[in-house]
Amino acid sequence: MANRHLSRSVVMQTLYEWDFRGSTFTPLEVEETLVRIAAEFAPGMHDIAFMRKLLLGVLEKSPQLDDIIGKAAPDWPIDKIAIIDRNILRIGLYELLFENRTQVPAKVAINEAIELAKTFGGETSGKFVNGVLGAVYKELGEPGKDETGKKKTGTNHATPLDPKTFPLEKLGGAVVYARVDGEIYFGLVHDIFGHWTLSKGHFQEGEDDKAAIVRVVNEELGIPVVTGELLGENEYIASHPEKGKLRKHVSYYLAEAPYHEIILQKQGGGLDDAKWFNAKEILDLNMYDDVLPIFTKAVNILLKNSPVEA
């Protein structure tokens, strides 16, 4: 709906001023800014209630929204994202996560944000916003896909891009474990989407894989590890606001650690906790589907190599 698109653009411009001022607006200043921008860019519109609800909702949830952006775009800290792009992402995420889907379907929330990015952002803003919101949409289980994702027949014969042509970035992850009194414990991190997952980070150029795992785990969990065997690899495509599409290759290793307290070393970035679990507790955890085969292989190796009690 054209009017709602215009209303969202007014909210985005209000958020831009709020953000540009260092998020220091008082509630009254927020209201006054919204009314002023609406009068200037949408004169005669009678949708101020929608604008106010969306604006106040985004402001209330902004810390949580920024954490989610950090998870969906881990290579791009929130303060490094262009001010227009990050506020468009906040609007899109708010509508995707917190609005009534009967009123704002997931696909509408994403498409509206992409159009805002194309209109107000830079050359790559639309692709970046699409990549971030698309990643969150997939984590949500692609709600509404059956209703809006029907295949179109027509004349769109654009040649698909070959993922092998995208720039490659190497990452490493680890199944961190410790042995305590004959029992195996696993060190996992928790993300803001509610999943327990593996410690993971970027490899530096020219860095040895096993040495990189030691560094990555220490930077994230604050514990030393000894890197063991390679468990598996996977690859996925991610969006970067400047580089565009990237091919990310992740290598997963076993990593043994002493049973020390683990404390998440970096706040934000999409993670909010770190903890040890024994093998039985693992069964009840919410974990990502692509991590489970890696983790299962690690458990089988460790159980096979566990000393047999007399």
C-alpha atoms as a PDB file:
ATOM      1  CA  MET A   1       0.000   0.000   0.000  1.00  0.00           C
ATOM      2  CA  ALA A   2       1.506   3.308  -1.157  1.00  0.00           C
ATOM      3  CA  ASN A   3       0.314   5.266   1.881  1.00  0.00           C
ATOM      4  CA  ARG A   4       1.897   2.793   4.298  1.00  0.00           C
ATOM      5  CA  HIS A   5       5.147   2.890   2.340  1.00  0.00           C
ATOM      6  CA  LEU A   6       5.167   6.677   2.689  1.00  0.00           C
ATOM      7  CA  SER A   7       4.378   6.336   6.396  1.00  0.00           C
ATOM      8  CA  ARG A   8       7.344   4.004   6.854  1.00  0.00           C
ATOM      9  CA  SER A   9       9.593   6.496   5.083  1.00  0.00           C
ATOM     10  CA  VAL A  10       8.481   9.190   7.564  1.00  0.00           C
ATOM     11  CA  VAL A  11       9.298   6.857  10.465  1.00  0.00           C
ATOM     12  CA  MET A  12      12.683   6.077   8.911  1.00  0.00           C
ATOM     13  CA  GLN A  13      13.529   9.772   8.589  1.00  0.00           C
ATOM     14  CA  THR A  14      12.473  10.356  12.198  1.00  0.00           C
ATOM     15  CA  LEU A  15      14.715   7.511  13.339  1.00  0.00           C
ATOM     16  CA  TYR A  16      17.516   8.978  11.256  1.00  0.00           C
ATOM     17  CA  GLU A  17      17.319  12.259  13.171  1.00  0.00           C
ATOM     18  CA  TRP A  18      17.055  10.407  16.496  1.00  0.00           C
ATOM     19  CA  ASP A  19      20.092   8.293  15.642  1.00  0.00           C
ATOM     20  CA  PHE A  20      22.065  11.239  14.251  1.00  0.00           C
ATOM     21  CA  ARG A  21      21.536  13.066  17.534  1.00  0.00           C
ATOM     22  CA  GLY A  22      23.059  10.141  19.404  1.00  0.00           C
ATOM     23  CA  SER A  23      19.719   8.656  20.481  1.00  0.00           C
ATOM     24  CA  THR A  24      19.249  11.512  22.957  1.00  0.00           C
ATOM     25  CA  PHE A  25      15.744  12.645  21.963  1.00  0.00           C
ATOM     26  CA  THR A  26      13.253  13.040  24.770  1.00  0.00           C
ATOM     27  CA  PRO A  27       9.817  11.425  24.193  1.00  0.00           C
ATOM     28  CA  LEU A  28       8.423  14.868  23.429  1.00  0.00           C
ATOM     29  CA  GLU A  29      11.167  15.581  20.881  1.00  0.00           C
ATOM     30  CA  VAL A  30      10.486  12.240  19.210  1.00  0.00           C
ATOM     31  CA  GLU A  31       6.802  13.098  18.840  1.00  0.00           C
ATOM     32  CA  GLU A  32       7.543  16.608  17.583  1.00  0.00           C
ATOM     33  CA  THR A  33      10.057  15.316  15.036  1.00  0.00           C
ATOM     34  CA  LEU A  34       7.593  12.748  13.712  1.00  0.00           C
ATOM     35  CA  VAL A  35       4.820  15.329  13.338  1.00  0.00           C
ATOM     36  CA  ARG A  36       7.170  17.808  11.621  1.00  0.00           C
ATOM     37  CA  ILE A  37       8.505  15.277   9.117  1.00  0.00           C
ATOM     38  CA  ALA A  38       5.013  13.914   8.423  1.00  0.00           C
ATOM     39  CA  ALA A  39       3.733  17.430   7.725  1.00  0.00           C
ATOM     40  CA  GLU A  40       6.671  18.120   5.410  1.00  0.00           C
ATOM     41  CA  PHE A  41       6.847  14.856   3.448  1.00  0.00           C
ATOM     42  CA  ALA A  42       3.320  13.445   3.789  1.00  0.00           C
ATOM     43  CA  PRO A  43       0.968  16.441   3.992  1.00  0.00           C
ATOM     44  CA  GLY A  44      -2.692  15.562   4.224  1.00  0.00           C
ATOM     45  CA  MET A  45      -2.068  11.974   5.293  1.00  0.00           C
ATOM     46  CA  HIS A  46      -4.170  10.668   8.168  1.00  0.00           C
ATOM     47  CA  ASP A  47      -1.909   7.783   9.171  1.00  0.00           C
ATOM     48  CA  ILE A  48      -0.142   9.366  12.127  1.00  0.00           C
ATOM     49  CA  ALA A  49      -1.387   6.636  14.498  1.00  0.00           C
ATOM     50  CA  PHE A  50       0.366   3.968  12.416  1.00  0.00           C
ATOM     51  CA  MET A  51       3.545   6.060  12.234  1.00  0.00           C
ATOM     52  CA  ARG A  52       3.573   6.708  15.985  1.00  0.00           C
ATOM     53  CA  LYS A  53       2.966   3.031  16.825  1.00  0.00           C
ATOM     54  CA  LEU A  54       5.754   1.872  14.504  1.00  0.00           C
ATOM     55  CA  LEU A  55       8.199   4.539  15.669  1.00  0.00           C
ATOM     56  CA  LEU A  56       7.648   3.957  19.386  1.00  0.00           C
ATOM     57  CA  GLY A  57       7.793   0.194  18.874  1.00  0.00           C
ATOM     58  CA  VAL A  58      11.165   0.414  17.122  1.00  0.00           C
ATOM     59  CA  LEU A  59      12.559   2.731  19.792  1.00  0.00           C
ATOM     60  CA  GLU A  60      11.389   0.452  22.601  1.00  0.00           C
ATOM     61  CA  LYS A  61      12.885  -2.658  21.000  1.00  0.00           C
ATOM     62  CA  SER A  62      16.007  -1.018  19.543  1.00  0.00           C
ATOM     63  CA  PRO A  63      18.534  -2.771  21.862  1.00  0.00           C
ATOM     64  CA  GLN A  64      17.071  -6.172  20.991  1.00  0.00           C
ATOM     65  CA  LEU A  65      16.835  -5.284  17.306  1.00  0.00           C
ATOM     66  CA  ASP A  66      20.485  -4.218  17.263  1.00  0.00           C
ATOM     67  CA  ASP A  67      21.528  -7.521  18.845  1.00  0.00           C
ATOM     68  CA  ILE A  68      19.662  -9.405  16.130  1.00  0.00           C
ATOM     69  CA  ILE A  69      21.310  -7.300  13.428  1.00  0.00           C
ATOM     70  CA  GLY A  70      24.641  -8.203  15.023  1.00  0.00           C
ATOM     71  CA  LYS A  71      23.816 -11.878  14.724  1.00  0.00           C
ATOM     72  CA  ALA A  72      22.529 -11.672  11.157  1.00  0.00           C
ATOM     73  CA  ALA A  73      25.453  -9.480  10.004  1.00  0.00           C
ATOM     74  CA  PRO A  74      28.294 -10.537  12.350  1.00  0.00           C
ATOM     75  CA  ASP A  75      31.008  -8.971  10.191  1.00  0.00           C
ATOM     76  CA  TRP A  76      29.495  -5.521  10.382  1.00  0.00           C
ATOM     77  CA  PRO A  77      29.168  -3.903  13.849  1.00  0.00           C
ATOM     78  CA  ILE A  78      25.979  -1.901  14.307  1.00  0.00           C
ATOM     79  CA  ASP A  79      27.832   1.422  14.609  1.00  0.00           C
ATOM     80  CA  LYS A  80      29.633   0.753  11.326  1.00  0.00           C
ATOM     81  CA  ILE A  81      26.440   0.205   9.330  1.00  0.00           C
ATOM     82  CA  ALA A  82      25.323   3.333   7.464  1.00  0.00           C
ATOM     83  CA  ILE A  83      22.855   5.282   9.595  1.00  0.00           C
ATOM     84  CA  ILE A  84      20.080   4.986   6.991  1.00  0.00           C
ATOM     85  CA  ASP A  85      20.634   1.264   6.510  1.00  0.00           C
ATOM     86  CA  ARG A  86      20.598   0.424  10.211  1.00  0.00           C
ATOM     87  CA  ASN A  87      17.351   2.307  10.803  1.00  0.00           C
ATOM     88  CA  ILE A  88      15.706   0.643   7.829  1.00  0.00           C
ATOM     89  CA  LEU A  89      16.840  -2.683   9.292  1.00  0.00           C
ATOM     90  CA  ARG A  90      15.330  -1.735  12.653  1.00  0.00           C
ATOM     91  CA  ILE A  91      11.988  -0.990  11.001  1.00  0.00           C
ATOM     92  CA  GLY A  92      12.039  -4.167   8.925  1.00  0.00           C
ATOM     93  CA  LEU A  93      13.047  -6.358  11.859  1.00  0.00           C
ATOM     94  CA  TYR A  94      10.467  -4.812  14.155  1.00  0.00           C
ATOM     95  CA  GLU A  95       7.674  -5.494  11.685  1.00  0.00           C
ATOM     96  CA  LEU A  96       9.034  -8.967  10.940  1.00  0.00           C
ATOM     97  CA  LEU A  97       9.334  -9.990  14.594  1.00  0.00           C
ATOM     98  CA  PHE A  98       6.798  -7.998  16.590  1.00  0.00           C
ATOM     99  CA  GLU A  99       3.941  -6.924  14.337  1.00  0.00           C
ATOM    100  CA  ASN A 100       0.748  -8.920  13.804  1.00  0.00           C
ATOM    101  CA  ARG A 101       1.466 -11.032  10.717  1.00  0.00           C
ATOM    102  CA  THR A 102      -2.154 -10.869   9.595  1.00  0.00           C
ATOM    103  CA  GLN A 103      -1.667  -7.110   9.237  1.00  0.00           C
ATOM    104  CA  VAL A 104       1.974  -7.093   8.145  1.00  0.00           C
ATOM    105  CA  PRO A 105       2.968 -10.429   6.546  1.00  0.00           C
ATOM    106  CA  ALA A 106       6.653 -11.314   6.772  1.00  0.00           C
ATOM    107  CA  LYS A 107       7.230 -10.841   3.051  1.00  0.00           C
ATOM    108  CA  VAL A 108       5.613  -7.403   3.170  1.00  0.00           C
ATOM    109  CA  ALA A 109       7.879  -6.347   6.047  1.00  0.00           C
ATOM    110  CA  ILE A 110      10.967  -7.468   4.120  1.00  0.00           C
ATOM    111  CA  ASN A 111       9.930  -6.013   0.772  1.00  0.00           C
ATOM    112  CA  GLU A 112       8.980  -2.662   2.293  1.00  0.00           C
ATOM    113  CA  ALA A 113      12.383  -2.414   3.969  1.00  0.00           C
ATOM    114  CA  ILE A 114      14.163  -3.286   0.723  1.00  0.00           C
ATOM    115  CA  GLU A 115      12.244  -0.574  -1.129  1.00  0.00           C
ATOM    116  CA  LEU A 116      13.152   1.974   1.559  1.00  0.00           C
ATOM    117  CA  ALA A 117      16.807   0.963   1.187  1.00  0.00           C
ATOM    118  CA  LYS A 118      16.682   1.351  -2.577  1.00  0.00           C
ATOM    119  CA  THR A 119      15.079   4.786  -2.242  1.00  0.00           C
ATOM    120  CA  PHE A 120      17.107   6.292   0.599  1.00  0.00           C
ATOM    121  CA  GLY A 121      20.234   4.149   0.889  1.00  0.00           C
ATOM    122  CA  GLY A 122      23.376   3.613  -1.125  1.00  0.00           C
ATOM    123  CA  GLU A 123      24.033   1.461  -4.163  1.00  0.00           C
ATOM    124  CA  THR A 124      24.316  -1.782  -2.168  1.00  0.00           C
ATOM    125  CA  SER A 125      21.794  -0.953   0.574  1.00  0.00           C
ATOM    126  CA  GLY A 126      18.952  -2.935  -0.957  1.00  0.00           C
ATOM    127  CA  LYS A 127      21.047  -6.094  -1.235  1.00  0.00           C
ATOM    128  CA  PHE A 128      22.400  -5.680   2.281  1.00  0.00           C
ATOM    129  CA  VAL A 129      18.964  -5.169   3.853  1.00  0.00           C
ATOM    130  CA  ASN A 130      17.626  -8.109   1.874  1.00  0.00           C
ATOM    131  CA  GLY A 131      20.480 -10.316   3.085  1.00  0.00           C
ATOM    132  CA  VAL A 132      20.075  -9.429   6.761  1.00  0.00           C
ATOM    133  CA  LEU A 133      16.279  -9.675   6.855  1.00  0.00           C
ATOM    134  CA  GLY A 134      16.379 -12.810   4.730  1.00  0.00           C
ATOM    135  CA  ALA A 135      18.699 -14.484   7.243  1.00  0.00           C
ATOM    136  CA  VAL A 136      16.329 -13.667  10.106  1.00  0.00           C
ATOM    137  CA  TYR A 137      13.342 -14.804   8.035  1.00  0.00           C
ATOM    138  CA  LYS A 138      14.971 -18.199   7.523  1.00  0.00           C
ATOM    139  CA  GLU A 139      15.690 -18.505  11.247  1.00  0.00           C
ATOM    140  CA  LEU A 140      11.988 -17.916  11.899  1.00  0.00           C
ATOM    141  CA  GLY A 141      11.112 -20.841   9.648  1.00  0.00           C
ATOM    142  CA  GLU A 142      10.058 -18.678   6.667  1.00  0.00           C
ATOM    143  CA  PRO A 143       6.544 -17.802   7.945  1.00  0.00           C
ATOM    144  CA  GLY A 144       4.021 -17.150   5.200  1.00  0.00           C
ATOM    145  CA  LYS A 145       6.198 -18.724   2.526  1.00  0.00           C
ATOM    146  CA  ASP A 146       3.375 -20.939   1.232  1.00  0.00           C
ATOM    147  CA  GLU A 147       1.084 -17.952   0.836  1.00  0.00           C
ATOM    148  CA  THR A 148       3.533 -15.588  -0.833  1.00  0.00           C
ATOM    149  CA  GLY A 149       6.207 -17.825  -2.282  1.00  0.00           C
ATOM    150  CA  LYS A 150       4.344 -19.349  -5.222  1.00  0.00           C
ATOM    151  CA  LYS A 151       6.528 -19.748  -8.274  1.00  0.00           C
ATOM    152  CA  LYS A 152       6.006 -17.120 -10.893  1.00  0.00           C
ATOM    153  CA  THR A 153       5.874 -17.965 -14.539  1.00  0.00           C
ATOM    154  CA  GLY A 154       6.916 -15.216 -16.866  1.00  0.00           C
ATOM    155  CA  THR A 155       9.801 -13.670 -18.683  1.00  0.00           C
ATOM    156  CA  ASN A 156      12.395 -13.338 -15.954  1.00  0.00           C
ATOM    157  CA  HIS A 157      15.320 -15.192 -17.508  1.00  0.00           C
ATOM    158  CA  ALA A 158      18.161 -13.510 -15.639  1.00  0.00           C
ATOM    159  CA  THR A 159      21.229 -15.721 -15.440  1.00  0.00           C
ATOM    160  CA  PRO A 160      21.777 -16.810 -11.817  1.00  0.00           C
ATOM    161  CA  LEU A 161      25.074 -15.820 -10.250  1.00  0.00           C
ATOM    162  CA  ASP A 162      27.612 -18.571  -9.668  1.00  0.00           C
ATOM    163  CA  PRO A 163      28.390 -18.678  -5.905  1.00  0.00           C
ATOM    164  CA  LYS A 164      31.936 -19.792  -6.727  1.00  0.00           C
ATOM    165  CA  THR A 165      32.602 -16.307  -8.108  1.00  0.00           C
ATOM    166  CA  PHE A 166      31.875 -14.639  -4.742  1.00  0.00           C
ATOM    167  CA  PRO A 167      34.827 -13.612  -2.509  1.00  0.00           C
ATOM    168  CA  LEU A 168      35.779 -16.360  -0.051  1.00  0.00           C
ATOM    169  CA  GLU A 169      36.103 -15.882   3.715  1.00  0.00           C
ATOM    170  CA  LYS A 170      37.362 -18.640   6.003  1.00  0.00           C
ATOM    171  CA  LEU A 171      35.940 -19.252   9.448  1.00  0.00           C
ATOM    172  CA  GLY A 172      36.460 -21.903  12.084  1.00  0.00           C
ATOM    173  CA  GLY A 173      34.208 -23.411  14.710  1.00  0.00           C
ATOM    174  CA  ALA A 174      34.852 -25.836  17.540  1.00  0.00           C
ATOM    175  CA  VAL A 175      33.074 -28.499  19.543  1.00  0.00           C
ATOM    176  CA  VAL A 176      34.677 -27.532  22.842  1.00  0.00           C
ATOM    177  CA  TYR A 177      34.715 -30.313  25.432  1.00  0.00           C
ATOM    178  CA  ALA A 178      36.206 -31.167  28.812  1.00  0.00           C
ATOM    179  CA  ARG A 179      36.453 -34.408  30.770  1.00  0.00           C
ATOM    180  CA  VAL A 180      35.462 -34.341  34.445  1.00  0.00           C
ATOM    181  CA  ASP A 181      35.405 -37.482  36.613  1.00  0.00           C
ATOM    182  CA  GLY A 182      34.777 -39.725  33.623  1.00  0.00           C
ATOM    183  CA  GLU A 183      32.031 -37.500  32.225  1.00  0.00           C
ATOM    184  CA  ILE A 184      32.203 -35.312  29.113  1.00  0.00           C
ATOM    185  CA  TYR A 185      31.035 -31.701  29.203  1.00  0.00           C
ATOM    186  CA  PHE A 186      30.518 -29.430  26.186  1.00  0.00           C
ATOM    187  CA  GLY A 187      31.028 -25.673  26.087  1.00  0.00           C
ATOM    188  CA  LEU A 188      28.381 -23.935  23.984  1.00  0.00           C
ATOM    189  CA  VAL A 189      27.336 -20.365  23.252  1.00  0.00           C
ATOM    190  CA  HIS A 190      23.754 -19.109  23.182  1.00  0.00           C
ATOM    191  CA  ASP A 191      22.474 -16.659  20.556  1.00  0.00           C
ATOM    192  CA  ILE A 192      19.636 -14.167  20.630  1.00  0.00           C
ATOM    193  CA  PHE A 193      17.518 -16.429  18.417  1.00  0.00           C
ATOM    194  CA  GLY A 194      17.322 -18.920  21.276  1.00  0.00           C
ATOM    195  CA  HIS A 195      19.795 -21.512  19.969  1.00  0.00           C
ATOM    196  CA  TRP A 196      22.783 -23.115  21.664  1.00  0.00           C
ATOM    197  CA  THR A 197      25.567 -23.403  19.144  1.00  0.00           C
ATOM    198  CA  LEU A 198      29.321 -23.767  18.641  1.00  0.00           C
ATOM    199  CA  SER A 199      32.010 -21.180  19.259  1.00  0.00           C
ATOM    200  CA  LYS A 200      33.002 -19.737  15.883  1.00  0.00           C
ATOM    201  CA  GLY A 201      35.084 -16.921  14.391  1.00  0.00           C
ATOM    202  CA  HIS A 202      37.089 -15.669  11.426  1.00  0.00           C
ATOM    203  CA  PHE A 203      40.458 -17.022  10.393  1.00  0.00           C
ATOM    204  CA  GLN A 204      43.123 -14.421   9.799  1.00  0.00           C
ATOM    205  CA  GLU A 205      44.960 -14.368   6.494  1.00  0.00           C
ATOM    206  CA  GLY A 206      47.716 -16.975   6.439  1.00  0.00           C
ATOM    207  CA  GLU A 207      46.736 -18.334   9.878  1.00  0.00           C
ATOM    208  CA  ASP A 208      47.058 -22.049  10.544  1.00  0.00           C
ATOM    209  CA  ASP A 209      43.615 -23.631  11.050  1.00  0.00           C
ATOM    210  CA  LYS A 210      44.357 -25.273  14.390  1.00  0.00           C
ATOM    211  CA  ALA A 211      46.070 -22.195  15.763  1.00  0.00           C
ATOM    212  CA  ALA A 212      43.080 -20.138  14.632  1.00  0.00           C
ATOM    213  CA  ILE A 213      40.712 -22.363  16.595  1.00  0.00           C
ATOM    214  CA  VAL A 214      42.767 -21.818  19.753  1.00  0.00           C
ATOM    215  CA  ARG A 215      42.564 -18.046  19.258  1.00  0.00           C
ATOM    216  CA  VAL A 216      38.861 -17.990  18.311  1.00  0.00           C
ATOM    217  CA  VAL A 217      37.733 -20.019  21.336  1.00  0.00           C
ATOM    218  CA  ASN A 218      39.894 -18.021  23.724  1.00  0.00           C
ATOM    219  CA  GLU A 219      38.543 -14.732  22.354  1.00  0.00           C
ATOM    220  CA  GLU A 220      34.951 -15.920  22.713  1.00  0.00           C
ATOM    221  CA  LEU A 221      34.986 -18.117  25.834  1.00  0.00           C
ATOM    222  CA  GLY A 222      38.164 -17.070  27.605  1.00  0.00           C
ATOM    223  CA  ILE A 223      39.571 -20.597  27.933  1.00  0.00           C
ATOM    224  CA  PRO A 224      42.606 -22.329  26.384  1.00  0.00           C
ATOM    225  CA  VAL A 225      42.020 -25.329  24.117  1.00  0.00           C
ATOM    226  CA  VAL A 226      43.998 -27.971  22.274  1.00  0.00           C
ATOM    227  CA  THR A 227      42.673 -28.359  18.739  1.00  0.00           C
ATOM    228  CA  GLY A 228      41.931 -31.924  17.690  1.00  0.00           C
ATOM    229  CA  GLU A 229      40.694 -33.501  14.490  1.00  0.00           C
ATOM    230  CA  LEU A 230      38.629 -31.921  11.741  1.00  0.00           C
ATOM    231  CA  LEU A 231      34.943 -32.806  12.125  1.00  0.00           C
ATOM    232  CA  GLY A 232      33.523 -31.362   8.952  1.00  0.00           C
ATOM    233  CA  GLU A 233      33.031 -28.294   6.797  1.00  0.00           C
ATOM    234  CA  ASN A 234      30.163 -26.315   5.389  1.00  0.00           C
ATOM    235  CA  GLU A 235      29.697 -23.262   3.228  1.00  0.00           C
ATOM    236  CA  TYR A 236      27.045 -20.565   2.948  1.00  0.00           C
ATOM    237  CA  ILE A 237      26.399 -17.262   1.220  1.00  0.00           C
ATOM    238  CA  ALA A 238      26.200 -14.037   3.258  1.00  0.00           C
ATOM    239  CA  SER A 239      25.616 -10.373   2.414  1.00  0.00           C
ATOM    240  CA  HIS A 240      28.035  -7.559   3.243  1.00  0.00           C
ATOM    241  CA  PRO A 241      27.036  -3.870   2.966  1.00  0.00           C
ATOM    242  CA  GLU A 242      30.152  -2.999   0.962  1.00  0.00           C
ATOM    243  CA  LYS A 243      31.466  -6.275  -0.467  1.00  0.00           C
ATOM    244  CA  GLY A 244      28.080  -7.632  -1.530  1.00  0.00           C
ATOM    245  CA  LYS A 245      27.690 -11.416  -1.604  1.00  0.00           C
ATOM    246  CA  LEU A 246      30.376 -13.455   0.161  1.00  0.00           C
ATOM    247  CA  ARG A 247      31.087 -17.174   0.218  1.00  0.00           C
ATOM    248  CA  LYS A 248      31.840 -18.221   3.794  1.00  0.00           C
ATOM    249  CA  HIS A 249      33.613 -21.506   4.392  1.00  0.00           C
ATOM    250  CA  VAL A 250      33.510 -22.904   7.937  1.00  0.00           C
ATOM    251  CA  SER A 251      35.781 -25.694   9.213  1.00  0.00           C
ATOM    252  CA  TYR A 252      34.760 -27.386  12.476  1.00  0.00           C
ATOM    253  CA  TYR A 253      37.239 -29.051  14.844  1.00  0.00           C
ATOM    254  CA  LEU A 254      37.239 -30.895  18.122  1.00  0.00           C
ATOM    255  CA  ALA A 255      38.844 -28.784  20.844  1.00  0.00           C
ATOM    256  CA  GLU A 256      39.683 -30.049  24.337  1.00  0.00           C
ATOM    257  CA  ALA A 257      39.667 -27.597  27.215  1.00  0.00           C
ATOM    258  CA  PRO A 258      40.192 -27.680  30.970  1.00  0.00           C
ATOM    259  CA  TYR A 259      36.944 -27.573  32.917  1.00  0.00           C
ATOM    260  CA  HIS A 260      37.171 -23.902  33.860  1.00  0.00           C
ATOM    261  CA  GLU A 261      34.306 -21.477  34.192  1.00  0.00           C
ATOM    262  CA  ILE A 262      33.418 -20.084  30.786  1.00  0.00           C
ATOM    263  CA  ILE A 263      32.271 -16.509  30.452  1.00  0.00           C
ATOM    264  CA  LEU A 264      31.223 -14.915  27.201  1.00  0.00           C
ATOM    265  CA  GLN A 265      34.020 -12.484  26.411  1.00  0.00           C
ATOM    266  CA  LYS A 266      32.202 -10.332  23.873  1.00  0.00           C
ATOM    267  CA  GLN A 267      28.826  -8.779  24.595  1.00  0.00           C
ATOM    268  CA  GLY A 268      26.554  -8.172  21.644  1.00  0.00           C
ATOM    269  CA  GLY A 269      27.333  -9.629  18.237  1.00  0.00           C
ATOM    270  CA  GLY A 270      24.274 -11.853  18.532  1.00  0.00           C
ATOM    271  CA  LEU A 271      25.441 -13.925  21.540  1.00  0.00           C
ATOM    272  CA  ASP A 272      24.161 -13.591  25.088  1.00  0.00           C
ATOM    273  CA  ASP A 273      25.447 -16.569  27.117  1.00  0.00           C
ATOM    274  CA  ALA A 274      27.970 -19.399  27.351  1.00  0.00           C
ATOM    275  CA  LYS A 275      27.740 -22.540  29.461  1.00  0.00           C
ATOM    276  CA  TRP A 276      28.934 -26.121  30.015  1.00  0.00           C
ATOM    277  CA  PHE A 277      26.493 -29.007  29.444  1.00  0.00           C
ATOM    278  CA  ASN A 278      26.902 -32.723  30.025  1.00  0.00           C
ATOM    279  CA  ALA A 279      25.925 -35.180  27.306  1.00  0.00           C
ATOM    280  CA  LYS A 280      22.464 -35.863  28.733  1.00  0.00           C
ATOM    281  CA  GLU A 281      21.610 -32.159  28.958  1.00  0.00           C
ATOM    282  CA  ILE A 282      22.537 -31.665  25.312  1.00  0.00           C
ATOM    283  CA  LEU A 283      19.517 -33.710  24.222  1.00  0.00           C
ATOM    284  CA  ASP A 284      17.125 -31.050  25.502  1.00  0.00           C
ATOM    285  CA  LEU A 285      18.836 -28.061  23.902  1.00  0.00           C
ATOM    286  CA  ASN A 286      17.583 -26.086  20.913  1.00  0.00           C
ATOM    287  CA  MET A 287      20.376 -26.350  18.330  1.00  0.00           C
ATOM    288  CA  TYR A 288      20.703 -25.501  14.643  1.00  0.00           C
ATOM    289  CA  ASP A 289      20.079 -28.289  12.145  1.00  0.00           C
ATOM    290  CA  ASP A 290      23.370 -27.720  10.309  1.00  0.00           C
ATOM    291  CA  VAL A 291      25.327 -27.949  13.578  1.00  0.00           C
ATOM    292  CA  LEU A 292      23.776 -31.224  14.736  1.00  0.00           C
ATOM    293  CA  PRO A 293      25.690 -33.525  12.316  1.00  0.00           C
ATOM    294  CA  ILE A 294      28.988 -31.911  13.360  1.00  0.00           C
ATOM    295  CA  PHE A 295      28.129 -32.210  17.018  1.00  0.00           C
ATOM    296  CA  THR A 296      26.893 -35.802  16.672  1.00  0.00           C
ATOM    297  CA  LYS A 297      30.147 -36.818  14.979  1.00  0.00           C
ATOM    298  CA  ALA A 298      32.133 -35.229  17.814  1.00  0.00           C
ATOM    299  CA  VAL A 299      30.114 -37.071  20.465  1.00  0.00           C
ATOM    300  CA  ASN A 300      30.590 -40.392  18.699  1.00  0.00           C
ATOM    301  CA  ILE A 301      34.352 -39.864  18.465  1.00  0.00           C
ATOM    302  CA  LEU A 302      34.624 -38.910  22.129  1.00  0.00           C
ATOM    303  CA  LEU A 303      32.497 -41.826  23.318  1.00  0.00           C
ATOM    304  CA  LYS A 304      34.518 -44.224  21.203  1.00  0.00           C
ATOM    305  CA  ASN A 305      37.746 -42.906  22.691  1.00  0.00           C
ATOM    306  CA  SER A 306      36.484 -42.746  26.282  1.00  0.00           C
ATOM    307  CA  PRO A 307      38.344 -45.032  28.701  1.00  0.00           C
ATOM    308  CA  VAL A 308      36.350 -48.113  29.690  1.00  0.00           C
ATOM    309  CA  GLU A 309      35.803 -48.408  33.433  1.00  0.00           C
ATOM    310  CA  ALA A 310      36.794 -51.704  34.987  1.00  0.00           C
END
